[in-house]
Amino acid sequence: MDNKKLLGKRIKELRKLSGLTQEKLSEMIGIETTSLSGIESGRHFPSLPTLEKIADNLNVELKTLFEFKHHRSTNEMKQDIINNIDKLDDSSISLIYKFFDGIIK
């Protein structure tokens, strides 16, 4: 997924967590609702001043808007798990095993 789409998804996610509608957030940051919709859908990339207003009105740091690693594909997440499992200590592996054992049964 490209960065515009990931950024848009993240902004939408944070807006909803804040309990704001597109109409309310767009009013708060001084842009048209259609512009915010375009940002959230990944059709438009906002300017830095707009990003700063979005972050301020969502009460998050600007960098939080770009924290979208959790929107990775299933295959990417599986590969991350495989690549990092050997780095875990015994107690972490035990905890993970208990978690998986509980959800697989």
N, C-alpha and C. Protein backbone atom coordinates (compact mmCIF):
# COMPACT_ATOMS: atom_id res chain seq x y z
N MET A 1 0.86 -1.17 0.00
CA MET A 1 0.00 0.00 0.00
C MET A 1 0.90 1.24 0.00
N ASP A 2 0.53 2.24 -0.76
CA ASP A 2 1.38 3.43 -0.84
C ASP A 2 1.20 4.33 0.38
N ASN A 3 2.15 5.23 0.56
CA ASN A 3 2.16 6.09 1.76
C ASN A 3 0.96 7.01 1.86
N LYS A 4 0.45 7.51 0.73
CA LYS A 4 -0.74 8.38 0.79
C LYS A 4 -1.92 7.62 1.38
N LYS A 5 -2.10 6.38 0.93
CA LYS A 5 -3.22 5.58 1.44
C LYS A 5 -3.02 5.22 2.91
N LEU A 6 -1.78 4.87 3.27
CA LEU A 6 -1.50 4.55 4.68
C LEU A 6 -1.71 5.75 5.58
N LEU A 7 -1.25 6.93 5.14
CA LEU A 7 -1.45 8.15 5.92
C LEU A 7 -2.94 8.45 6.06
N GLY A 8 -3.67 8.33 4.98
CA GLY A 8 -5.11 8.57 5.03
C GLY A 8 -5.82 7.64 5.98
N LYS A 9 -5.47 6.35 5.95
CA LYS A 9 -6.07 5.38 6.87
C LYS A 9 -5.76 5.74 8.32
N ARG A 10 -4.52 6.17 8.56
CA ARG A 10 -4.11 6.51 9.92
C ARG A 10 -4.87 7.73 10.43
N ILE A 11 -5.00 8.74 9.59
CA ILE A 11 -5.74 9.94 9.99
C ILE A 11 -7.20 9.58 10.29
N LYS A 12 -7.80 8.78 9.44
CA LYS A 12 -9.19 8.36 9.65
C LYS A 12 -9.32 7.58 10.96
N GLU A 13 -8.38 6.68 11.20
CA GLU A 13 -8.39 5.89 12.43
C GLU A 13 -8.29 6.78 13.67
N LEU A 14 -7.37 7.73 13.64
CA LEU A 14 -7.21 8.63 14.78
C LEU A 14 -8.41 9.56 14.95
N ARG A 15 -8.99 10.01 13.83
CA ARG A 15 -10.18 10.86 13.89
C ARG A 15 -11.32 10.13 14.56
N LYS A 16 -11.52 8.86 14.16
CA LYS A 16 -12.61 8.08 14.74
C LYS A 16 -12.37 7.80 16.22
N LEU A 17 -11.10 7.53 16.58
CA LEU A 17 -10.77 7.32 18.00
C LEU A 17 -11.06 8.57 18.82
N SER A 18 -10.96 9.73 18.19
CA SER A 18 -11.25 10.99 18.87
C SER A 18 -12.74 11.31 18.90
N GLY A 19 -13.53 10.49 18.22
CA GLY A 19 -14.98 10.71 18.20
C GLY A 19 -15.42 11.85 17.31
N LEU A 20 -14.60 12.18 16.31
CA LEU A 20 -14.92 13.30 15.42
C LEU A 20 -15.42 12.81 14.07
N THR A 21 -16.35 13.55 13.52
CA THR A 21 -16.79 13.29 12.15
C THR A 21 -15.84 14.00 11.19
N GLN A 22 -15.89 13.63 9.93
CA GLN A 22 -15.10 14.35 8.93
C GLN A 22 -15.50 15.82 8.91
N GLU A 23 -16.79 16.08 9.03
CA GLU A 23 -17.28 17.45 9.00
C GLU A 23 -16.69 18.27 10.13
N LYS A 24 -16.68 17.70 11.34
CA LYS A 24 -16.18 18.43 12.50
C LYS A 24 -14.68 18.67 12.40
N LEU A 25 -13.91 17.62 12.04
CA LEU A 25 -12.46 17.80 11.95
C LEU A 25 -12.10 18.78 10.83
N SER A 26 -12.77 18.70 9.71
CA SER A 26 -12.45 19.62 8.62
C SER A 26 -12.77 21.06 9.02
N GLU A 27 -13.83 21.24 9.77
CA GLU A 27 -14.16 22.58 10.28
C GLU A 27 -13.08 23.07 11.24
N MET A 28 -12.60 22.18 12.10
CA MET A 28 -11.59 22.54 13.10
C MET A 28 -10.26 22.94 12.45
N ILE A 29 -9.93 22.31 11.31
CA ILE A 29 -8.64 22.60 10.68
C ILE A 29 -8.75 23.57 9.51
N GLY A 30 -9.99 23.95 9.18
CA GLY A 30 -10.19 24.98 8.17
C GLY A 30 -10.06 24.51 6.73
N ILE A 31 -10.50 23.27 6.46
CA ILE A 31 -10.53 22.79 5.07
C ILE A 31 -11.92 22.25 4.76
N GLU A 32 -12.19 22.06 3.49
CA GLU A 32 -13.47 21.49 3.07
C GLU A 32 -13.54 20.01 3.46
N THR A 33 -14.74 19.55 3.74
CA THR A 33 -14.94 18.14 4.06
C THR A 33 -14.49 17.24 2.92
N THR A 34 -14.72 17.69 1.68
CA THR A 34 -14.29 16.89 0.53
C THR A 34 -12.76 16.77 0.48
N SER A 35 -12.06 17.80 0.95
CA SER A 35 -10.60 17.73 1.00
C SER A 35 -10.13 16.71 2.03
N LEU A 36 -10.76 16.72 3.20
CA LEU A 36 -10.41 15.73 4.22
C LEU A 36 -10.75 14.33 3.74
N SER A 37 -11.86 14.18 3.08
CA SER A 37 -12.23 12.89 2.52
C SER A 37 -11.17 12.40 1.54
N GLY A 38 -10.68 13.31 0.71
CA GLY A 38 -9.63 12.97 -0.25
C GLY A 38 -8.34 12.56 0.44
N ILE A 39 -8.02 13.20 1.54
CA ILE A 39 -6.83 12.85 2.32
C ILE A 39 -7.01 11.47 2.93
N GLU A 40 -8.16 11.24 3.57
CA GLU A 40 -8.40 9.97 4.24
C GLU A 40 -8.47 8.80 3.26
N SER A 41 -8.89 9.05 2.04
CA SER A 41 -8.98 7.96 1.06
C SER A 41 -7.67 7.76 0.31
N GLY A 42 -6.70 8.63 0.55
CA GLY A 42 -5.41 8.50 -0.10
C GLY A 42 -5.34 9.10 -1.49
N ARG A 43 -6.36 9.88 -1.86
CA ARG A 43 -6.35 10.53 -3.17
C ARG A 43 -5.52 11.81 -3.15
N HIS A 44 -5.44 12.45 -1.98
CA HIS A 44 -4.71 13.71 -1.84
C HIS A 44 -3.70 13.59 -0.71
N PHE A 45 -2.56 14.26 -0.88
CA PHE A 45 -1.56 14.32 0.18
C PHE A 45 -1.60 15.72 0.77
N PRO A 46 -1.83 15.83 2.09
CA PRO A 46 -1.96 17.15 2.71
C PRO A 46 -0.63 17.88 2.80
N SER A 47 -0.70 19.20 2.86
CA SER A 47 0.49 20.02 3.06
C SER A 47 0.95 19.87 4.51
N LEU A 48 2.17 20.28 4.78
CA LEU A 48 2.69 20.22 6.15
C LEU A 48 1.84 21.04 7.11
N PRO A 49 1.44 22.28 6.76
CA PRO A 49 0.58 23.03 7.69
C PRO A 49 -0.74 22.30 7.99
N THR A 50 -1.30 21.64 6.99
CA THR A 50 -2.55 20.89 7.21
C THR A 50 -2.29 19.69 8.11
N LEU A 51 -1.18 19.00 7.88
CA LEU A 51 -0.83 17.87 8.75
C LEU A 51 -0.65 18.33 10.19
N GLU A 52 -0.01 19.47 10.38
CA GLU A 52 0.17 20.00 11.73
C GLU A 52 -1.16 20.32 12.40
N LYS A 53 -2.09 20.90 11.63
CA LYS A 53 -3.42 21.21 12.18
C LYS A 53 -4.17 19.93 12.52
N ILE A 54 -4.07 18.93 11.66
CA ILE A 54 -4.74 17.64 11.93
C ILE A 54 -4.19 17.06 13.22
N ALA A 55 -2.86 16.99 13.34
CA ALA A 55 -2.25 16.42 14.55
C ALA A 55 -2.67 17.22 15.80
N ASP A 56 -2.61 18.53 15.72
CA ASP A 56 -2.99 19.36 16.87
C ASP A 56 -4.42 19.10 17.30
N ASN A 57 -5.33 19.04 16.33
CA ASN A 57 -6.74 18.87 16.67
C ASN A 57 -7.10 17.45 17.07
N LEU A 58 -6.24 16.50 16.74
CA LEU A 58 -6.44 15.12 17.20
C LEU A 58 -5.65 14.85 18.48
N ASN A 59 -4.97 15.91 18.97
CA ASN A 59 -4.18 15.82 20.20
C ASN A 59 -3.11 14.73 20.15
N VAL A 60 -2.43 14.65 19.00
CA VAL A 60 -1.32 13.71 18.85
C VAL A 60 -0.11 14.46 18.29
N GLU A 61 1.06 13.86 18.45
CA GLU A 61 2.25 14.43 17.86
C GLU A 61 2.19 14.19 16.35
N LEU A 62 2.82 15.06 15.59
CA LEU A 62 2.83 14.93 14.14
C LEU A 62 3.32 13.56 13.70
N LYS A 63 4.35 13.05 14.34
CA LYS A 63 4.91 11.76 13.95
C LYS A 63 3.90 10.62 14.10
N THR A 64 2.93 10.78 14.99
CA THR A 64 1.91 9.75 15.21
C THR A 64 1.09 9.51 13.94
N LEU A 65 0.92 10.54 13.13
CA LEU A 65 0.17 10.37 11.88
C LEU A 65 0.86 9.41 10.93
N PHE A 66 2.17 9.24 11.11
CA PHE A 66 2.95 8.38 10.21
C PHE A 66 3.28 7.03 10.83
N GLU A 67 2.67 6.71 11.93
CA GLU A 67 2.88 5.42 12.58
C GLU A 67 1.82 4.45 12.08
N PHE A 68 2.10 3.84 10.93
CA PHE A 68 1.13 2.93 10.35
C PHE A 68 1.71 1.58 10.02
N LYS A 69 2.70 1.16 10.78
CA LYS A 69 3.30 -0.16 10.56
C LYS A 69 2.26 -1.26 10.80
N HIS A 70 1.28 -1.02 11.65
CA HIS A 70 0.27 -2.03 11.94
C HIS A 70 -0.66 -2.29 10.76
N HIS A 71 -0.53 -1.51 9.68
CA HIS A 71 -1.34 -1.72 8.49
C HIS A 71 -0.59 -2.57 7.47
N ARG A 72 0.25 -3.45 7.94
CA ARG A 72 1.03 -4.30 7.06
C ARG A 72 0.20 -5.50 6.64
N SER A 73 0.60 -6.12 5.53
CA SER A 73 -0.12 -7.31 5.05
C SER A 73 0.15 -8.49 5.98
N THR A 74 -0.70 -9.48 5.91
CA THR A 74 -0.55 -10.68 6.72
C THR A 74 0.79 -11.34 6.44
N ASN A 75 1.16 -11.43 5.17
CA ASN A 75 2.43 -12.06 4.83
C ASN A 75 3.62 -11.29 5.41
N GLU A 76 3.55 -9.96 5.40
CA GLU A 76 4.62 -9.15 5.99
C GLU A 76 4.70 -9.38 7.50
N MET A 77 3.55 -9.46 8.15
CA MET A 77 3.55 -9.70 9.60
C MET A 77 4.11 -11.09 9.93
N LYS A 78 3.72 -12.10 9.15
CA LYS A 78 4.25 -13.45 9.36
C LYS A 78 5.76 -13.46 9.21
N GLN A 79 6.25 -12.79 8.19
CA GLN A 79 7.69 -12.76 7.96
C GLN A 79 8.41 -12.05 9.11
N ASP A 80 7.83 -10.97 9.64
CA ASP A 80 8.42 -10.29 10.79
C ASP A 80 8.51 -11.22 11.99
N ILE A 81 7.46 -12.00 12.22
CA ILE A 81 7.46 -12.94 13.34
C ILE A 81 8.57 -13.97 13.15
N ILE A 82 8.66 -14.53 11.97
CA ILE A 82 9.70 -15.53 11.68
C ILE A 82 11.08 -14.94 11.85
N ASN A 83 11.28 -13.71 11.34
CA ASN A 83 12.59 -13.08 11.41
C ASN A 83 13.01 -12.72 12.83
N ASN A 84 12.05 -12.51 13.71
CA ASN A 84 12.38 -12.02 15.06
C ASN A 84 12.23 -13.05 16.17
N ILE A 85 11.69 -14.21 15.91
CA ILE A 85 11.43 -15.19 16.96
C ILE A 85 12.70 -15.63 17.67
N ASP A 86 13.80 -15.74 16.94
CA ASP A 86 15.06 -16.18 17.55
C ASP A 86 15.68 -15.12 18.46
N LYS A 87 15.21 -13.92 18.39
CA LYS A 87 15.74 -12.83 19.22
C LYS A 87 15.09 -12.78 20.60
N LEU A 88 14.02 -13.55 20.79
CA LEU A 88 13.28 -13.51 22.05
C LEU A 88 13.92 -14.36 23.13
N ASP A 89 13.75 -13.93 24.37
CA ASP A 89 14.24 -14.75 25.49
C ASP A 89 13.23 -15.85 25.79
N ASP A 90 13.61 -16.79 26.65
CA ASP A 90 12.78 -17.95 26.94
C ASP A 90 11.41 -17.57 27.52
N SER A 91 11.38 -16.58 28.40
CA SER A 91 10.10 -16.22 29.02
C SER A 91 9.15 -15.59 27.99
N SER A 92 9.69 -14.84 27.04
CA SER A 92 8.85 -14.25 25.99
C SER A 92 8.30 -15.34 25.07
N ILE A 93 9.13 -16.31 24.75
CA ILE A 93 8.66 -17.42 23.90
C ILE A 93 7.58 -18.21 24.63
N SER A 94 7.76 -18.43 25.92
CA SER A 94 6.77 -19.14 26.72
C SER A 94 5.44 -18.40 26.74
N LEU A 95 5.50 -17.09 26.91
CA LEU A 95 4.29 -16.27 26.92
C LEU A 95 3.57 -16.33 25.57
N ILE A 96 4.34 -16.20 24.50
CA ILE A 96 3.75 -16.26 23.15
C ILE A 96 3.13 -17.63 22.91
N TYR A 97 3.82 -18.69 23.34
CA TYR A 97 3.29 -20.05 23.17
C TYR A 97 1.96 -20.20 23.89
N LYS A 98 1.88 -19.71 25.13
CA LYS A 98 0.63 -19.80 25.89
C LYS A 98 -0.50 -19.05 25.18
N PHE A 99 -0.16 -17.90 24.61
CA PHE A 99 -1.17 -17.11 23.88
C PHE A 99 -1.67 -17.90 22.68
N PHE A 100 -0.75 -18.40 21.86
CA PHE A 100 -1.16 -19.14 20.67
C PHE A 100 -1.90 -20.42 21.04
N ASP A 101 -1.43 -21.10 22.07
CA ASP A 101 -2.08 -22.34 22.49
C ASP A 101 -3.53 -22.06 22.91
N GLY A 102 -3.74 -20.91 23.53
CA GLY A 102 -5.09 -20.56 23.97
C GLY A 102 -6.03 -20.20 22.84
N ILE A 103 -5.54 -19.62 21.76
CA ILE A 103 -6.43 -19.21 20.68
C ILE A 103 -6.58 -20.27 19.59
N ILE A 104 -5.67 -21.23 19.56
CA ILE A 104 -5.74 -22.26 18.52
C ILE A 104 -6.69 -23.39 18.92
N LYS A 105 -6.84 -23.64 20.20
CA LYS A 105 -7.70 -24.75 20.66
C LYS A 105 -9.15 -24.51 20.39
